């Protein structure tokens, strides 16, 4: 029964990769900044979930994958905020 769950999980993961890639490539540049802000919020939730997974310590594999998820989600959140901030500064008027 465990093999069936693992195969189903891998299937969902691969399907999510393809759907996510298709959705991201269809976003026009004008909508990039608002969507980046939304994805930062989702990545923040991912950090919380990864911390819970890492802290549960069920297996060593879960702890390692949780730590990797924390690192990658944190990089995504920080990078996203930096890009969003930089793009918003482009639209500010110069103070003279």
PDB file of N, CA and C in Angstrom:
ATOM      1  N   UNK A   1       0.818  -1.192   0.000  1.00  0.00           N
ATOM      2  CA  UNK A   1       0.000   0.000   0.000  1.00  0.00           C
ATOM      3  C   UNK A   1       0.865   1.260   0.000  1.00  0.00           C
ATOM      4  N   UNK A   2       2.007   1.226   0.643  1.00  0.00           N
ATOM      5  CA  UNK A   2       2.893   2.381   0.720  1.00  0.00           C
ATOM      6  C   UNK A   2       3.453   2.741  -0.645  1.00  0.00           C
ATOM      7  N   UNK A   3       3.720   1.745  -1.495  1.00  0.00           N
ATOM      8  CA  UNK A   3       4.233   2.018  -2.834  1.00  0.00           C
ATOM      9  C   UNK A   3       3.210   2.760  -3.685  1.00  0.00           C
ATOM     10  N   UNK A   4       1.934   2.413  -3.524  1.00  0.00           N
ATOM     11  CA  UNK A   4       0.885   3.094  -4.267  1.00  0.00           C
ATOM     12  C   UNK A   4       0.806   4.571  -3.883  1.00  0.00           C
ATOM     13  N   UNK A   5       0.940   4.858  -2.616  1.00  0.00           N
ATOM     14  CA  UNK A   5       0.894   6.242  -2.151  1.00  0.00           C
ATOM     15  C   UNK A   5       2.099   7.022  -2.670  1.00  0.00           C
ATOM     16  N   UNK A   6       3.272   6.387  -2.675  1.00  0.00           N
ATOM     17  CA  UNK A   6       4.483   7.046  -3.161  1.00  0.00           C
ATOM     18  C   UNK A   6       4.374   7.338  -4.655  1.00  0.00           C
ATOM     19  N   UNK A   7       3.891   6.411  -5.432  1.00  0.00           N
ATOM     20  CA  UNK A   7       3.736   6.613  -6.876  1.00  0.00           C
ATOM     21  C   UNK A   7       2.713   7.716  -7.142  1.00  0.00           C
ATOM     22  N   UNK A   8       1.618   7.718  -6.398  1.00  0.00           N
ATOM     23  CA  UNK A   8       0.605   8.759  -6.559  1.00  0.00           C
ATOM     24  C   UNK A   8       1.178  10.125  -6.189  1.00  0.00           C
ATOM     25  N   UNK A   9       1.966  10.198  -5.131  1.00  0.00           N
ATOM     26  CA  UNK A   9       2.578  11.459  -4.718  1.00  0.00           C
ATOM     27  C   UNK A   9       3.549  11.977  -5.767  1.00  0.00           C
ATOM     28  N   UNK A  10       4.341  11.099  -6.340  1.00  0.00           N
ATOM     29  CA  UNK A  10       5.280  11.497  -7.396  1.00  0.00           C
ATOM     30  C   UNK A  10       4.512  11.975  -8.625  1.00  0.00           C
ATOM     31  N   UNK A  11       3.426  11.292  -8.953  1.00  0.00           N
ATOM     32  CA  UNK A  11       2.582  11.692 -10.080  1.00  0.00           C
ATOM     33  C   UNK A  11       2.032  13.106  -9.871  1.00  0.00           C
ATOM     34  N   UNK A  12       1.525  13.388  -8.685  1.00  0.00           N
ATOM     35  CA  UNK A  12       0.988  14.722  -8.382  1.00  0.00           C
ATOM     36  C   UNK A  12       2.097  15.770  -8.446  1.00  0.00           C
ATOM     37  N   UNK A  13       3.274  15.439  -7.942  1.00  0.00           N
ATOM     38  CA  UNK A  13       4.403  16.373  -7.946  1.00  0.00           C
ATOM     39  C   UNK A  13       4.806  16.724  -9.374  1.00  0.00           C
ATOM     40  N   UNK A  14       4.944  15.731 -10.242  1.00  0.00           N
ATOM     41  CA  UNK A  14       5.341  15.964 -11.632  1.00  0.00           C
ATOM     42  C   UNK A  14       4.256  16.756 -12.364  1.00  0.00           C
ATOM     43  N   UNK A  15       3.018  16.423 -12.116  1.00  0.00           N
ATOM     44  CA  UNK A  15       1.908  17.155 -12.729  1.00  0.00           C
ATOM     45  C   UNK A  15       1.913  18.622 -12.287  1.00  0.00           C
ATOM     46  N   UNK A  16       2.191  18.874 -11.009  1.00  0.00           N
ATOM     47  CA  UNK A  16       2.257  20.249 -10.503  1.00  0.00           C
ATOM     48  C   UNK A  16       3.402  21.020 -11.151  1.00  0.00           C
ATOM     49  N   UNK A  17       4.509  20.358 -11.419  1.00  0.00           N
ATOM     50  CA  UNK A  17       5.640  21.018 -12.085  1.00  0.00           C
ATOM     51  C   UNK A  17       5.229  21.482 -13.476  1.00  0.00           C
ATOM     52  N   UNK A  18       4.611  20.589 -14.245  1.00  0.00           N
ATOM     53  CA  UNK A  18       4.211  20.951 -15.604  1.00  0.00           C
ATOM     54  C   UNK A  18       3.145  22.039 -15.625  1.00  0.00           C
ATOM     55  N   UNK A  19       2.155  21.932 -14.770  1.00  0.00           N
ATOM     56  CA  UNK A  19       1.095  22.945 -14.725  1.00  0.00           C
ATOM     57  C   UNK A  19       1.665  24.288 -14.268  1.00  0.00           C
ATOM     58  N   UNK A  20       2.524  24.287 -13.247  1.00  0.00           N
ATOM     59  CA  UNK A  20       3.142  25.519 -12.771  1.00  0.00           C
ATOM     60  C   UNK A  20       3.979  26.188 -13.840  1.00  0.00           C
ATOM     61  N   UNK A  21       4.749  25.400 -14.573  1.00  0.00           N
ATOM     62  CA  UNK A  21       5.583  25.961 -15.642  1.00  0.00           C
ATOM     63  C   UNK A  21       4.715  26.598 -16.719  1.00  0.00           C
ATOM     64  N   UNK A  22       3.658  25.924 -17.120  1.00  0.00           N
ATOM     65  CA  UNK A  22       2.768  26.459 -18.145  1.00  0.00           C
ATOM     66  C   UNK A  22       2.085  27.747 -17.672  1.00  0.00           C
ATOM     67  N   UNK A  23       1.691  27.790 -16.425  1.00  0.00           N
ATOM     68  CA  UNK A  23       1.022  28.982 -15.904  1.00  0.00           C
ATOM     69  C   UNK A  23       1.986  30.160 -15.816  1.00  0.00           C
ATOM     70  N   UNK A  24       3.198  29.916 -15.368  1.00  0.00           N
ATOM     71  CA  UNK A  24       4.165  30.997 -15.198  1.00  0.00           C
ATOM     72  C   UNK A  24       4.584  31.586 -16.538  1.00  0.00           C
ATOM     73  N   UNK A  25       4.741  30.745 -17.550  1.00  0.00           N
ATOM     74  CA  UNK A  25       5.174  31.256 -18.853  1.00  0.00           C
ATOM     75  C   UNK A  25       4.088  32.066 -19.543  1.00  0.00           C
ATOM     76  N   UNK A  26       2.846  31.940 -19.119  1.00  0.00           N
ATOM     77  CA  UNK A  26       1.739  32.672 -19.739  1.00  0.00           C
ATOM     78  C   UNK A  26       1.458  34.024 -19.070  1.00  0.00           C
ATOM     79  N   UNK A  27       2.169  34.369 -18.012  1.00  0.00           N
ATOM     80  CA  UNK A  27       1.926  35.620 -17.287  1.00  0.00           C
ATOM     81  C   UNK A  27       2.586  36.778 -18.032  1.00  0.00           C
ATOM     82  N   UNK A  28       1.801  37.821 -18.364  1.00  0.00           N
ATOM     83  CA  UNK A  28       2.408  38.979 -19.023  1.00  0.00           C
ATOM     84  C   UNK A  28       3.284  39.760 -18.033  1.00  0.00           C
ATOM     85  N   UNK A  29       4.310  40.466 -18.542  1.00  0.00           N
ATOM     86  CA  UNK A  29       5.217  41.199 -17.651  1.00  0.00           C
ATOM     87  C   UNK A  29       4.532  42.237 -16.769  1.00  0.00           C
ATOM     88  N   UNK A  30       3.414  42.804 -17.232  1.00  0.00           N
ATOM     89  CA  UNK A  30       2.710  43.824 -16.463  1.00  0.00           C
ATOM     90  C   UNK A  30       2.172  43.270 -15.140  1.00  0.00           C
ATOM     91  N   UNK A  31       1.823  41.997 -15.125  1.00  0.00           N
ATOM     92  CA  UNK A  31       1.268  41.387 -13.918  1.00  0.00           C
ATOM     93  C   UNK A  31       2.327  40.746 -13.028  1.00  0.00           C
ATOM     94  N   UNK A  32       3.579  40.845 -13.406  1.00  0.00           N
ATOM     95  CA  UNK A  32       4.623  40.137 -12.673  1.00  0.00           C
ATOM     96  C   UNK A  32       4.745  40.601 -11.225  1.00  0.00           C
ATOM     97  N   UNK A  33       4.725  41.917 -10.983  1.00  0.00           N
ATOM     98  CA  UNK A  33       4.912  42.428  -9.624  1.00  0.00           C
ATOM     99  C   UNK A  33       3.783  42.033  -8.684  1.00  0.00           C
ATOM    100  N   UNK A  34       2.496  42.181  -9.060  1.00  0.00           N
ATOM    101  CA  UNK A  34       1.443  41.735  -8.137  1.00  0.00           C
ATOM    102  C   UNK A  34       1.480  40.233  -7.876  1.00  0.00           C
ATOM    103  N   UNK A  35       1.801  39.459  -8.896  1.00  0.00           N
ATOM    104  CA  UNK A  35       1.871  38.014  -8.694  1.00  0.00           C
ATOM    105  C   UNK A  35       3.075  37.630  -7.837  1.00  0.00           C
ATOM    106  N   UNK A  36       4.164  38.388  -7.943  1.00  0.00           N
ATOM    107  CA  UNK A  36       5.339  38.124  -7.113  1.00  0.00           C
ATOM    108  C   UNK A  36       4.995  38.348  -5.650  1.00  0.00           C
ATOM    109  N   UNK A  37       4.215  39.364  -5.362  1.00  0.00           N
ATOM    110  CA  UNK A  37       3.806  39.615  -3.981  1.00  0.00           C
ATOM    111  C   UNK A  37       2.956  38.464  -3.461  1.00  0.00           C
ATOM    112  N   UNK A  38       2.063  37.959  -4.291  1.00  0.00           N
ATOM    113  CA  UNK A  38       1.241  36.812  -3.890  1.00  0.00           C
ATOM    114  C   UNK A  38       2.060  35.564  -3.689  1.00  0.00           C
ATOM    115  N   UNK A  39       3.037  35.348  -4.549  1.00  0.00           N
ATOM    116  CA  UNK A  39       3.867  34.150  -4.388  1.00  0.00           C
ATOM    117  C   UNK A  39       4.768  34.263  -3.157  1.00  0.00           C
ATOM    118  N   UNK A  40       5.128  35.488  -2.765  1.00  0.00           N
ATOM    119  CA  UNK A  40       5.895  35.660  -1.531  1.00  0.00           C
ATOM    120  C   UNK A  40       5.072  35.225  -0.323  1.00  0.00           C
ATOM    121  N   UNK A  41       3.787  35.531  -0.334  1.00  0.00           N
ATOM    122  CA  UNK A  41       2.923  35.104   0.765  1.00  0.00           C
ATOM    123  C   UNK A  41       2.812  33.588   0.805  1.00  0.00           C
ATOM    124  N   UNK A  42       2.692  32.966  -0.345  1.00  0.00           N
ATOM    125  CA  UNK A  42       2.617  31.500  -0.410  1.00  0.00           C
ATOM    126  C   UNK A  42       3.933  30.882   0.053  1.00  0.00           C
ATOM    127  N   UNK A  43       5.042  31.490  -0.339  1.00  0.00           N
ATOM    128  CA  UNK A  43       6.336  30.975   0.096  1.00  0.00           C
ATOM    129  C   UNK A  43       6.519  31.129   1.602  1.00  0.00           C
ATOM    130  N   UNK A  44       5.942  32.163   2.173  1.00  0.00           N
ATOM    131  CA  UNK A  44       5.971  32.316   3.630  1.00  0.00           C
ATOM    132  C   UNK A  44       5.233  31.186   4.314  1.00  0.00           C
ATOM    133  N   UNK A  45       4.112  30.777   3.742  1.00  0.00           N
ATOM    134  CA  UNK A  45       3.373  29.635   4.285  1.00  0.00           C
ATOM    135  C   UNK A  45       4.194  28.355   4.118  1.00  0.00           C
ATOM    136  N   UNK A  46       4.903  28.257   3.004  1.00  0.00           N
ATOM    137  CA  UNK A  46       5.764  27.097   2.770  1.00  0.00           C
ATOM    138  C   UNK A  46       6.870  27.017   3.818  1.00  0.00           C
ATOM    139  N   UNK A  47       7.415  28.157   4.199  1.00  0.00           N
ATOM    140  CA  UNK A  47       8.456  28.170   5.237  1.00  0.00           C
ATOM    141  C   UNK A  47       7.896  27.613   6.548  1.00  0.00           C
ATOM    142  N   UNK A  48       6.685  28.025   6.906  1.00  0.00           N
ATOM    143  CA  UNK A  48       6.068  27.533   8.145  1.00  0.00           C
ATOM    144  C   UNK A  48       5.859  26.027   8.068  1.00  0.00           C
ATOM    145  N   UNK A  49       5.341  25.536   6.945  1.00  0.00           N
ATOM    146  CA  UNK A  49       5.139  24.096   6.780  1.00  0.00           C
ATOM    147  C   UNK A  49       6.444  23.324   6.813  1.00  0.00           C
ATOM    148  N   UNK A  50       7.476  23.885   6.194  1.00  0.00           N
ATOM    149  CA  UNK A  50       8.779  23.223   6.195  1.00  0.00           C
ATOM    150  C   UNK A  50       9.376  23.190   7.597  1.00  0.00           C
ATOM    151  N   UNK A  51       9.177  24.257   8.355  1.00  0.00           N
ATOM    152  CA  UNK A  51       9.663  24.267   9.744  1.00  0.00           C
ATOM    153  C   UNK A  51       8.950  23.192  10.578  1.00  0.00           C
ATOM    154  N   UNK A  52       7.651  23.060  10.358  1.00  0.00           N
ATOM    155  CA  UNK A  52       6.910  22.027  11.081  1.00  0.00           C
ATOM    156  C   UNK A  52       7.389  20.633  10.694  1.00  0.00           C
ATOM    157  N   UNK A  53       7.644  20.443   9.405  1.00  0.00           N
ATOM    158  CA  UNK A  53       8.130  19.150   8.935  1.00  0.00           C
ATOM    159  C   UNK A  53       9.514  18.840   9.491  1.00  0.00           C
ATOM    160  N   UNK A  54      10.364  19.838   9.518  1.00  0.00           N
ATOM    161  CA  UNK A  54      11.714  19.632  10.033  1.00  0.00           C
ATOM    162  C   UNK A  54      11.697  19.356  11.530  1.00  0.00           C
ATOM    163  N   UNK A  55      10.867  20.092  12.247  1.00  0.00           N
ATOM    164  CA  UNK A  55      10.812  19.945  13.699  1.00  0.00           C
ATOM    165  C   UNK A  55      10.140  18.679  14.169  1.00  0.00           C
ATOM    166  N   UNK A  56       9.311  18.068  13.317  1.00  0.00           N
ATOM    167  CA  UNK A  56       8.609  16.847  13.735  1.00  0.00           C
ATOM    168  C   UNK A  56       9.586  15.701  13.960  1.00  0.00           C
ATOM    169  N   UNK A  57      10.618  15.624  13.130  1.00  0.00           N
ATOM    170  CA  UNK A  57      11.665  14.622  13.319  1.00  0.00           C
ATOM    171  C   UNK A  57      11.187  13.190  13.238  1.00  0.00           C
ATOM    172  N   UNK A  58      10.217  12.913  12.382  1.00  0.00           N
ATOM    173  CA  UNK A  58       9.706  11.541  12.240  1.00  0.00           C
ATOM    174  C   UNK A  58      10.790  10.606  11.727  1.00  0.00           C
ATOM    175  N   UNK A  59      11.423  11.000  10.630  1.00  0.00           N
ATOM    176  CA  UNK A  59      12.534  10.218  10.083  1.00  0.00           C
ATOM    177  C   UNK A  59      13.658  11.173   9.726  1.00  0.00           C
ATOM    178  N   UNK A  60      14.817  10.614   9.508  1.00  0.00           N
ATOM    179  CA  UNK A  60      15.958  11.451   9.138  1.00  0.00           C
ATOM    180  C   UNK A  60      15.751  12.046   7.745  1.00  0.00           C
ATOM    181  N   UNK A  61      15.138  11.289   6.839  1.00  0.00           N
ATOM    182  CA  UNK A  61      14.870  11.798   5.497  1.00  0.00           C
ATOM    183  C   UNK A  61      13.913  12.986   5.549  1.00  0.00           C
ATOM    184  N   UNK A  62      12.874  12.890   6.381  1.00  0.00           N
ATOM    185  CA  UNK A  62      11.916  13.990   6.518  1.00  0.00           C
ATOM    186  C   UNK A  62      12.597  15.232   7.086  1.00  0.00           C
ATOM    187  N   UNK A  63      13.498  15.050   8.016  1.00  0.00           N
ATOM    188  CA  UNK A  63      14.220  16.177   8.600  1.00  0.00           C
ATOM    189  C   UNK A  63      15.122  16.845   7.566  1.00  0.00           C
ATOM    190  N   UNK A  64      15.817  16.043   6.771  1.00  0.00           N
ATOM    191  CA  UNK A  64      16.714  16.591   5.744  1.00  0.00           C
ATOM    192  C   UNK A  64      15.912  17.316   4.670  1.00  0.00           C
ATOM    193  N   UNK A  65      14.821  16.697   4.203  1.00  0.00           N
ATOM    194  CA  UNK A  65      13.991  17.341   3.190  1.00  0.00           C
ATOM    195  C   UNK A  65      13.321  18.596   3.739  1.00  0.00           C
ATOM    196  N   UNK A  66      12.931  18.567   5.000  1.00  0.00           N
ATOM    197  CA  UNK A  66      12.346  19.749   5.629  1.00  0.00           C
ATOM    198  C   UNK A  66      13.344  20.881   5.716  1.00  0.00           C
ATOM    199  N   UNK A  67      14.577  20.568   6.077  1.00  0.00           N
ATOM    200  CA  UNK A  67      15.630  21.585   6.139  1.00  0.00           C
ATOM    201  C   UNK A  67      15.896  22.175   4.759  1.00  0.00           C
ATOM    202  N   UNK A  68      15.953  21.323   3.749  1.00  0.00           N
ATOM    203  CA  UNK A  68      16.140  21.796   2.384  1.00  0.00           C
ATOM    204  C   UNK A  68      14.976  22.692   1.958  1.00  0.00           C
ATOM    205  N   UNK A  69      13.762  22.314   2.341  1.00  0.00           N
ATOM    206  CA  UNK A  69      12.584  23.129   2.016  1.00  0.00           C
ATOM    207  C   UNK A  69      12.644  24.482   2.718  1.00  0.00           C
ATOM    208  N   UNK A  70      13.097  24.505   3.964  1.00  0.00           N
ATOM    209  CA  UNK A  70      13.227  25.779   4.692  1.00  0.00           C
ATOM    210  C   UNK A  70      14.224  26.690   3.979  1.00  0.00           C
ATOM    211  N   UNK A  71      15.349  26.144   3.595  1.00  0.00           N
ATOM    212  CA  UNK A  71      16.385  26.937   2.942  1.00  0.00           C
ATOM    213  C   UNK A  71      15.886  27.492   1.609  1.00  0.00           C
ATOM    214  N   UNK A  72      15.305  26.637   0.774  1.00  0.00           N
ATOM    215  CA  UNK A  72      14.858  27.074  -0.546  1.00  0.00           C
ATOM    216  C   UNK A  72      13.687  28.059  -0.464  1.00  0.00           C
ATOM    217  N   UNK A  73      12.747  27.816   0.426  1.00  0.00           N
ATOM    218  CA  UNK A  73      11.610  28.728   0.563  1.00  0.00           C
ATOM    219  C   UNK A  73      12.064  30.083   1.108  1.00  0.00           C
ATOM    220  N   UNK A  74      13.025  30.085   2.021  1.00  0.00           N
ATOM    221  CA  UNK A  74      13.551  31.341   2.557  1.00  0.00           C
ATOM    222  C   UNK A  74      14.258  32.141   1.466  1.00  0.00           C
ATOM    223  N   UNK A  75      15.045  31.456   0.644  1.00  0.00           N
ATOM    224  CA  UNK A  75      15.707  32.127  -0.476  1.00  0.00           C
ATOM    225  C   UNK A  75      14.661  32.724  -1.413  1.00  0.00           C
ATOM    226  N   UNK A  76      13.583  31.974  -1.657  1.00  0.00           N
ATOM    227  CA  UNK A  76      12.519  32.447  -2.537  1.00  0.00           C
ATOM    228  C   UNK A  76      11.823  33.678  -1.958  1.00  0.00           C
ATOM    229  N   UNK A  77      11.549  33.674  -0.671  1.00  0.00           N
ATOM    230  CA  UNK A  77      10.882  34.813  -0.036  1.00  0.00           C
ATOM    231  C   UNK A  77      11.779  36.054  -0.074  1.00  0.00           C
ATOM    232  N   UNK A  78      13.020  35.909   0.327  1.00  0.00           N
ATOM    233  CA  UNK A  78      13.934  37.056   0.363  1.00  0.00           C
ATOM    234  C   UNK A  78      14.176  37.591  -1.045  1.00  0.00           C
ATOM    235  N   UNK A  79      14.431  36.707  -1.989  1.00  0.00           N
ATOM    236  CA  UNK A  79      14.648  37.136  -3.371  1.00  0.00           C
ATOM    237  C   UNK A  79      13.420  37.803  -3.960  1.00  0.00           C
ATOM    238  N   UNK A  80      12.260  37.264  -3.655  1.00  0.00           N
ATOM    239  CA  UNK A  80      11.017  37.850  -4.158  1.00  0.00           C
ATOM    240  C   UNK A  80      10.782  39.243  -3.625  1.00  0.00           C
ATOM    241  N   UNK A  81      11.028  39.435  -2.335  1.00  0.00           N
ATOM    242  CA  UNK A  81      10.863  40.777  -1.771  1.00  0.00           C
ATOM    243  C   UNK A  81      11.888  41.749  -2.347  1.00  0.00           C
ATOM    244  N   UNK A  82      13.099  41.282  -2.586  1.00  0.00           N
ATOM    245  CA  UNK A  82      14.114  42.160  -3.167  1.00  0.00           C
ATOM    246  C   UNK A  82      13.723  42.587  -4.590  1.00  0.00           C
ATOM    247  N   UNK A  83      13.238  41.643  -5.377  1.00  0.00           N
ATOM    248  CA  UNK A  83      12.834  41.963  -6.750  1.00  0.00           C
ATOM    249  C   UNK A  83      11.631  42.897  -6.747  1.00  0.00           C
ATOM    250  N   UNK A  84      10.643  42.610  -5.894  1.00  0.00           N
ATOM    251  CA  UNK A  84       9.456  43.459  -5.818  1.00  0.00           C
ATOM    252  C   UNK A  84       9.825  44.867  -5.390  1.00  0.00           C
ATOM    253  N   UNK A  85      10.679  44.997  -4.375  1.00  0.00           N
ATOM    254  CA  UNK A  85      11.103  46.314  -3.904  1.00  0.00           C
ATOM    255  C   UNK A  85      11.834  47.075  -5.001  1.00  0.00           C
ATOM    256  N   UNK A  86      12.691  46.385  -5.718  1.00  0.00           N
ATOM    257  CA  UNK A  86      13.447  47.023  -6.797  1.00  0.00           C
ATOM    258  C   UNK A  86      12.519  47.500  -7.916  1.00  0.00           C
ATOM    259  N   UNK A  87      11.514  46.681  -8.252  1.00  0.00           N
ATOM    260  CA  UNK A  87      10.576  47.066  -9.303  1.00  0.00           C
ATOM    261  C   UNK A  87       9.708  48.245  -8.865  1.00  0.00           C
ATOM    262  N   UNK A  88       9.320  48.275  -7.594  1.00  0.00           N
ATOM    263  CA  UNK A  88       8.515  49.394  -7.114  1.00  0.00           C
ATOM    264  C   UNK A  88       9.304  50.691  -7.081  1.00  0.00           C
ATOM    265  N   UNK A  89      10.612  50.602  -6.825  1.00  0.00           N
ATOM    266  CA  UNK A  89      11.455  51.803  -6.849  1.00  0.00           C
ATOM    267  C   UNK A  89      11.571  52.370  -8.258  1.00  0.00           C
ATOM    268  N   UNK A  90      11.408  51.535  -9.275  1.00  0.00           N
ATOM    269  CA  UNK A  90      11.476  52.017 -10.646  1.00  0.00           C
ATOM    270  C   UNK A  90      10.304  52.946 -10.977  1.00  0.00           C
ATOM    271  N   UNK A  91       9.175  52.792 -10.284  1.00  0.00           N
ATOM    272  CA  UNK A  91       7.996  53.585 -10.577  1.00  0.00           C
ATOM    273  C   UNK A  91       7.871  54.838  -9.712  1.00  0.00           C
ATOM    274  N   UNK A  92       8.766  55.024  -8.742  1.00  0.00           N
ATOM    275  CA  UNK A  92       8.726  56.223  -7.905  1.00  0.00           C
ATOM    276  C   UNK A  92       9.316  57.398  -8.653  1.00  0.00           C
ATOM    277  N   UNK A  93       8.753  58.574  -8.371  1.00  0.00           N
ATOM    278  CA  UNK A  93       9.279  59.786  -8.977  1.00  0.00           C
ATOM    279  C   UNK A  93      10.515  60.229  -8.210  1.00  0.00           C
ATOM    280  N   UNK A  94      11.451  60.790  -8.944  1.00  0.00           N
ATOM    281  CA  UNK A  94      12.669  61.319  -8.330  1.00  0.00           C
ATOM    282  C   UNK A  94      12.336  62.561  -7.527  1.00  0.00           C
ATOM    283  N   UNK A  95      12.915  62.680  -6.322  1.00  0.00           N
ATOM    284  CA  UNK A  95      12.722  63.877  -5.488  1.00  0.00           C
ATOM    285  C   UNK A  95      13.830  64.876  -5.828  1.00  0.00           C
ATOM    286  N   UNK A  96      13.408  66.002  -6.407  1.00  0.00           N
ATOM    287  CA  UNK A  96      14.400  67.025  -6.773  1.00  0.00           C
ATOM    288  C   UNK A  96      14.053  68.325  -6.132  1.00  0.00           C
TER     289      UNK A  96
END
